Protein backbone atom coordinates (compact mmCIF):
# COMPACT_ATOMS: atom_id res chain seq x y z
CA MET A 1 52.50 20.48 23.11
CA GLY A 2 53.11 18.59 19.92
CA ASP A 3 50.80 15.89 21.27
CA ASP A 4 48.07 18.47 21.72
CA VAL A 5 48.26 19.46 18.10
CA VAL A 6 48.08 15.80 16.99
CA LEU A 7 45.03 15.16 19.18
CA ARG A 8 43.17 18.32 18.21
CA GLU A 9 43.66 18.08 14.47
CA PRO A 10 41.49 14.99 13.79
CA VAL A 11 38.66 16.51 15.86
CA ARG A 12 38.88 19.74 13.92
CA SER A 13 39.00 17.89 10.62
CA ARG A 14 35.92 15.88 11.49
CA ARG A 15 34.07 19.05 12.41
CA LEU A 16 35.09 20.68 9.14
CA ARG A 17 33.99 17.68 7.17
CA ARG A 18 30.72 17.64 9.06
CA ALA A 19 30.12 21.32 8.45
CA ALA A 20 30.98 20.93 4.76
CA GLU A 21 28.60 17.99 4.42
CA LEU A 22 25.74 19.90 6.10
CA GLN A 23 26.43 22.88 3.83
CA ARG A 24 26.41 20.59 0.77
CA ARG A 25 23.04 19.04 1.81
CA ARG A 26 21.50 22.44 2.47
CA GLN A 27 22.68 23.77 -0.87
CA HIS A 28 21.38 20.58 -2.49
CA LEU A 29 17.91 21.32 -1.16
CA ARG A 30 18.00 25.05 -1.91
CA THR A 31 19.07 24.78 -5.51
CA GLY A 32 16.77 21.84 -6.25
CA ARG A 33 19.49 19.93 -8.13
CA GLN A 34 17.73 16.76 -7.04
CA ARG A 35 14.25 17.61 -8.21
CA ASP A 36 12.97 14.31 -6.89
CA LEU A 37 13.18 15.58 -3.29
CA LEU A 38 10.50 17.57 -1.48
CA ARG A 39 10.18 18.10 2.20
CA VAL A 40 7.22 16.67 4.05
CA ALA A 41 6.89 19.74 6.28
CA VAL A 42 4.97 18.24 9.16
CA ALA A 43 5.07 19.45 12.76
CA ALA A 44 6.93 17.26 15.18
CA TRP A 45 4.78 14.70 16.88
CA ARG A 46 1.80 15.03 14.50
CA SER A 47 -0.79 12.21 14.95
CA TYR A 48 -3.18 10.51 12.58
CA ALA A 49 -4.97 7.16 12.16
CA ARG A 50 -3.24 4.52 10.00
CA SER A 51 -5.21 3.04 7.08
CA TYR A 52 -8.25 5.11 7.87
CA ASP A 53 -10.24 7.58 5.79
CA GLY A 54 -13.74 7.10 7.26
CA VAL A 55 -15.19 6.51 3.79
CA SER A 56 -13.72 3.49 2.03
CA VAL A 57 -15.03 0.02 2.84
CA GLY A 58 -12.66 -1.66 5.28
CA PHE A 59 -10.96 1.59 6.28
CA THR A 60 -13.38 3.15 8.78
CA ASP A 61 -11.71 2.10 12.00
CA PRO A 62 -9.60 4.94 13.48
CA SER A 63 -8.19 2.73 16.27
CA PHE A 64 -4.63 2.43 14.93
CA ALA A 65 -3.23 5.80 15.76
CA ALA A 66 0.36 6.80 14.89
CA THR A 67 2.55 9.77 15.60
CA VAL A 68 5.43 10.69 13.32
CA SER A 69 8.21 13.24 13.62
CA GLU A 70 9.28 15.57 10.82
CA PHE A 71 10.83 13.83 7.84
CA HIS A 72 11.50 14.30 4.16
CA LEU A 73 10.05 12.20 1.38
CA ASP A 74 11.07 12.14 -2.27
CA ALA A 75 8.61 13.90 -4.54
CA HIS A 76 8.83 11.12 -7.08
CA GLU A 77 9.43 7.41 -7.32
CA VAL A 78 13.07 6.60 -8.09
CA SER A 79 13.54 6.62 -11.85
CA VAL A 80 15.70 4.34 -13.95
CA ALA A 81 18.01 7.24 -14.78
CA ARG A 82 18.56 8.02 -11.15
CA PHE A 83 19.05 4.36 -10.25
CA GLN A 84 21.67 3.97 -12.96
CA LYS A 85 24.03 6.20 -10.98
CA PHE A 86 23.87 3.69 -8.12
CA VAL A 87 24.52 0.85 -10.59
CA ALA A 88 27.54 2.72 -12.07
CA ALA A 89 29.08 2.93 -8.57
CA TYR A 90 28.30 -0.67 -7.65
CA PRO A 91 29.48 -2.63 -5.69
CA ALA A 92 31.19 0.31 -3.93
CA SER A 93 27.72 1.81 -3.47
CA ARG A 94 26.69 -0.97 -1.12
CA PRO A 95 26.01 0.44 2.41
CA ALA A 96 28.19 -0.04 5.44
CA ASP A 97 26.87 -1.76 8.53
CA GLY A 98 24.73 0.61 10.68
CA THR A 99 24.24 3.31 8.05
CA GLY A 100 20.82 4.71 7.16
CA ARG A 101 19.40 4.83 10.70
CA ASN A 102 16.22 6.70 11.47
CA PRO A 103 17.20 8.92 14.46
CA HIS A 104 13.56 9.10 15.60
CA ASP A 105 13.39 5.36 16.03
CA PRO A 106 15.73 3.98 18.76
CA GLY A 107 14.92 0.45 17.51
CA ASP A 108 16.34 1.08 14.06
CA PRO A 109 19.75 -0.57 13.74
CA GLY A 110 20.42 0.87 10.24
CA TRP A 111 21.83 -1.42 7.58
CA ALA A 112 22.42 -4.91 8.96
CA ALA A 113 25.62 -6.63 7.82
CA ALA A 114 23.65 -9.82 7.22
CA TRP A 115 21.55 -8.07 4.53
CA THR A 116 24.59 -7.62 2.30
CA ALA A 117 24.39 -11.35 1.40
CA SER A 118 21.00 -10.55 -0.21
CA LEU A 119 22.49 -7.97 -2.55
CA PRO A 120 23.81 -8.81 -6.06
CA VAL A 121 27.51 -9.58 -5.91
CA THR A 122 28.67 -7.70 -8.99
CA GLN A 123 27.51 -4.80 -11.13
CA ALA A 124 26.61 -7.34 -13.85
CA ASP A 125 24.46 -9.24 -11.35
CA LEU A 126 22.64 -6.05 -10.41
CA ASN A 127 21.95 -5.21 -14.02
CA ALA A 128 20.69 -8.72 -14.63
CA ALA A 129 18.34 -8.51 -11.70
CA LEU A 130 16.58 -5.56 -13.35
CA ALA A 131 14.89 -8.00 -15.72
CA CYS A 132 12.11 -9.92 -13.99
CA ASP A 133 8.61 -11.24 -14.47
CA GLY A 134 9.04 -11.01 -18.26
CA LEU A 135 10.22 -7.40 -18.12
CA THR A 136 13.37 -7.22 -20.27
CA SER A 137 13.97 -3.44 -20.60
CA GLN A 138 13.13 -0.25 -18.73
CA GLY A 139 13.05 3.28 -20.10
CA VAL A 140 15.28 5.81 -18.42
CA THR A 141 12.34 8.03 -17.46
CA ASP A 142 10.29 5.14 -16.06
CA PRO A 143 10.11 4.36 -12.35
CA VAL A 144 12.73 1.65 -11.72
CA ARG A 145 11.25 -1.78 -11.12
CA CYS A 146 12.53 -5.30 -10.42
CA VAL A 147 14.32 -4.02 -7.36
CA SER A 148 14.29 -6.13 -4.24
CA TRP A 149 13.70 -4.59 -0.76
CA TYR A 150 17.39 -4.99 -0.02
CA VAL A 151 18.49 -3.21 -3.17
CA ALA A 152 15.93 -0.43 -2.60
CA GLN A 153 17.18 0.13 0.99
CA ALA A 154 20.79 0.01 -0.23
CA PHE A 155 20.08 2.65 -2.89
CA CYS A 156 18.33 4.99 -0.45
CA ILE A 157 21.20 4.81 2.02
CA TRP A 158 23.73 5.42 -0.79
CA ASP A 159 21.58 8.41 -1.88
CA GLY A 160 21.62 9.90 1.67
CA GLY A 161 18.32 8.52 2.93
CA ARG A 162 16.47 5.33 3.81
CA LEU A 163 13.22 3.65 2.95
CA PRO A 164 10.23 5.28 4.69
CA THR A 165 8.46 3.52 7.50
CA GLU A 166 4.93 2.45 6.70
CA ALA A 167 3.62 5.04 9.11
CA GLU A 168 5.59 7.84 7.35
CA TRP A 169 4.45 6.72 3.91
CA ASN A 170 0.82 6.49 4.95
CA PHE A 171 1.06 9.86 6.65
CA ALA A 172 2.27 11.55 3.44
CA ALA A 173 -0.28 9.80 1.23
CA ALA A 174 -3.21 10.52 3.56
CA GLY A 175 -2.27 14.19 4.03
CA GLY A 176 -1.54 13.44 7.69
CA ASP A 177 -4.48 14.21 9.96
CA GLN A 178 -6.61 15.19 6.99
CA GLN A 179 -7.03 11.41 6.43
CA ARG A 180 -7.53 11.78 2.66
CA VAL A 181 -9.06 8.99 0.58
CA TYR A 182 -6.56 9.60 -2.26
CA PRO A 183 -3.45 11.70 -1.90
CA TRP A 184 -5.06 14.52 -3.92
CA SER A 185 -8.54 14.34 -2.27
CA VAL A 186 -9.88 17.79 -1.45
CA PRO A 187 -12.08 17.67 0.55
CA PRO A 188 -10.43 14.66 2.19
CA SER A 189 -13.54 12.49 1.68
CA ALA A 190 -13.54 13.11 -2.13
CA THR A 191 -13.39 9.86 -4.13
CA THR A 192 -12.74 11.33 -7.59
CA ILE A 193 -10.11 9.44 -9.59
CA SER A 194 -9.32 9.48 -13.30
CA ALA A 195 -6.48 9.03 -15.77
CA SER A 196 -5.52 12.63 -14.96
CA HIS A 197 -4.85 11.66 -11.35
CA ALA A 198 -2.98 8.33 -11.51
CA THR A 199 -1.73 5.45 -13.61
CA TYR A 200 -4.04 2.60 -12.63
CA GLN A 201 -5.83 -0.19 -14.54
CA ALA A 202 -3.11 0.33 -17.17
CA ALA A 203 -0.77 -1.94 -19.10
CA ALA A 204 2.44 -0.29 -17.89
CA PRO A 205 3.67 2.46 -15.55
CA THR A 206 4.32 5.99 -16.76
CA ARG A 207 6.94 8.66 -16.16
CA PRO A 208 6.77 9.79 -12.54
CA GLY A 209 5.03 13.15 -12.15
CA LEU A 210 3.07 12.88 -15.39
CA HIS A 211 -0.47 13.52 -14.09
CA GLY A 212 -1.58 17.12 -13.66
CA LEU A 213 -4.16 16.43 -10.94
CA ASP A 214 -1.89 14.12 -8.89
CA VAL A 215 -0.49 16.30 -6.13
CA ALA A 216 -0.44 15.19 -2.50
CA ARG A 217 -0.69 17.58 0.43
CA TRP A 218 3.10 18.14 0.59
CA GLY A 219 3.75 17.91 -3.16
CA GLN A 220 4.54 14.26 -3.66
CA ARG A 221 3.38 12.58 -6.89
CA ASP A 222 2.40 9.04 -7.74
CA LEU A 223 1.66 7.97 -4.17
CA ALA A 224 -1.33 6.28 -5.83
CA GLY A 225 -0.75 3.83 -8.67
CA ASN A 226 2.14 3.52 -11.14
CA VAL A 227 4.31 1.18 -9.03
CA TRP A 228 3.90 -0.32 -5.58
CA GLU A 229 6.45 1.10 -3.18
CA TRP A 230 8.60 -0.65 -0.56
CA THR A 231 8.56 0.48 3.08
CA ILE A 232 10.84 -0.50 5.94
CA ASP A 233 8.24 -2.53 7.83
CA TYR A 234 7.66 -6.24 8.02
CA HIS A 235 4.01 -7.00 7.21
CA ALA A 236 1.56 -7.86 10.01
CA SER A 237 -2.21 -7.63 9.86
CA PRO A 238 -3.91 -6.09 11.70
CA TYR A 239 -1.57 -3.46 13.00
CA SER A 240 -0.13 -3.93 16.45
CA THR A 241 -2.18 -2.21 19.15
CA THR A 242 1.02 -0.99 20.79
CA GLN A 243 1.30 2.81 20.78
CA CYS A 244 2.99 3.92 17.58
CA LEU A 245 5.48 6.78 18.14
CA ASP A 246 7.75 6.90 15.07
CA CYS A 247 7.20 3.16 14.91
CA ALA A 248 8.11 0.49 12.42
CA ASN A 249 7.31 -3.19 12.60
CA ARG A 250 10.74 -4.81 12.91
CA THR A 251 9.43 -8.27 13.99
CA ALA A 252 10.69 -10.61 11.32
CA ALA A 253 8.05 -12.01 8.96
CA ALA A 254 7.97 -13.51 5.47
CA ASN A 255 7.02 -10.22 3.74
CA ARG A 256 7.67 -6.53 3.85
CA VAL A 257 4.92 -3.88 3.40
CA ILE A 258 4.32 -2.37 -0.04
CA ARG A 259 2.09 0.66 -0.49
CA GLY A 260 0.31 2.76 -3.10
CA GLY A 261 -0.88 0.21 -5.64
CA GLY A 262 0.53 -0.21 -9.13
CA HIS A 263 -0.31 0.46 -12.74
CA SER A 264 -2.46 -2.63 -12.96
CA SER A 265 -4.30 -1.99 -9.69
CA ASN A 266 -7.93 -0.91 -9.57
CA ALA A 267 -9.25 2.30 -7.98
CA SER A 268 -9.89 0.70 -4.59
CA GLN A 269 -6.27 -0.55 -4.39
CA VAL A 270 -4.62 2.87 -4.86
CA ILE A 271 -6.35 4.71 -2.01
CA ALA A 272 -4.02 6.03 0.67
CA SER A 273 -5.17 3.47 3.20
CA TYR A 274 -4.59 0.31 1.13
CA ARG A 275 -1.64 -1.93 2.02
CA SER A 276 -0.17 -5.12 0.66
CA SER A 277 3.10 -7.06 1.04
CA ALA A 278 5.77 -8.82 -0.93
CA ALA A 279 8.78 -11.10 -0.33
CA PRO A 280 11.77 -8.76 0.27
CA ALA A 281 14.31 -10.80 -1.70
CA THR A 282 12.15 -11.17 -4.81
CA PRO A 283 12.28 -8.42 -7.46
CA ARG A 284 8.87 -7.74 -8.96
CA ALA A 285 7.95 -5.93 -12.17
CA VAL A 286 5.16 -4.05 -10.34
CA VAL A 287 7.23 -2.85 -7.37
CA GLY A 288 9.48 0.26 -7.13
CA PHE A 289 10.25 2.68 -4.34
CA ARG A 290 10.98 6.22 -3.16
CA CYS A 291 13.28 7.33 -0.35
CA ALA A 292 12.75 9.13 2.95
CA ARG A 293 15.31 11.35 4.58
CA ASN A 294 16.05 12.69 8.02
CA PRO A 295 15.62 16.46 8.53
CA LEU A 296 18.77 18.56 8.53
CA PRO A 297 20.00 19.52 11.99
């Protein structure tokens, strides 16, 4: 009988901890304590065409269909102030092997132990890496830059999420099956863009959420311009013709996909369909990120 108590107690404790964590996350969303998080309220198995709007030159081929399940996406790019909390906890904030998995993607292994070698060793090293490409300081309200793909993924896992897949990011920016030219385009074919919509063709990025006319279908801001944003995927062009069901390109390549354009990009580079790539281990002064999250059970 004593043995029964010993065996049952750890199970009960795990259940209690699980329930407490779910309650904490629900309260976190209800109260809006993390204002950077909005839910991408899409129906399960909603399909659209990747990098397609039917209007922009080079993006009129609807052949590359994708289907994504419900997910959450941060409303804003990760700011310096938010990133500093990760730095303060570093290196204890580095992710454990297998954490940060996307449950919709059976091919997602989560954090790979081998990636840890690509992270800064100490807190001082992490701080030093935030200066790159001539950038020597970053304001606390700015989107954080000079963050490698590995550091961005590590932050998102520490923050309870993960980097979005390219298909998820594109879905949010294009308004899903509305296939918008820009994240704010209403009607979807509208090509209007101005300094009230996005930070583009500018000398430096601006505070996330600054522009009054910059609101995507599900409320995200700065999906066009300001800083390029990391995604999970390795870069390949053109897309694979394999059916994309919650897919991500995990076939190793030199670069990872970045999306959205940056502050120095022109109007044609900040459309929802445009894609580029960058070396994942190299911090860049034009690249930042935002996190995706799995829906609560």
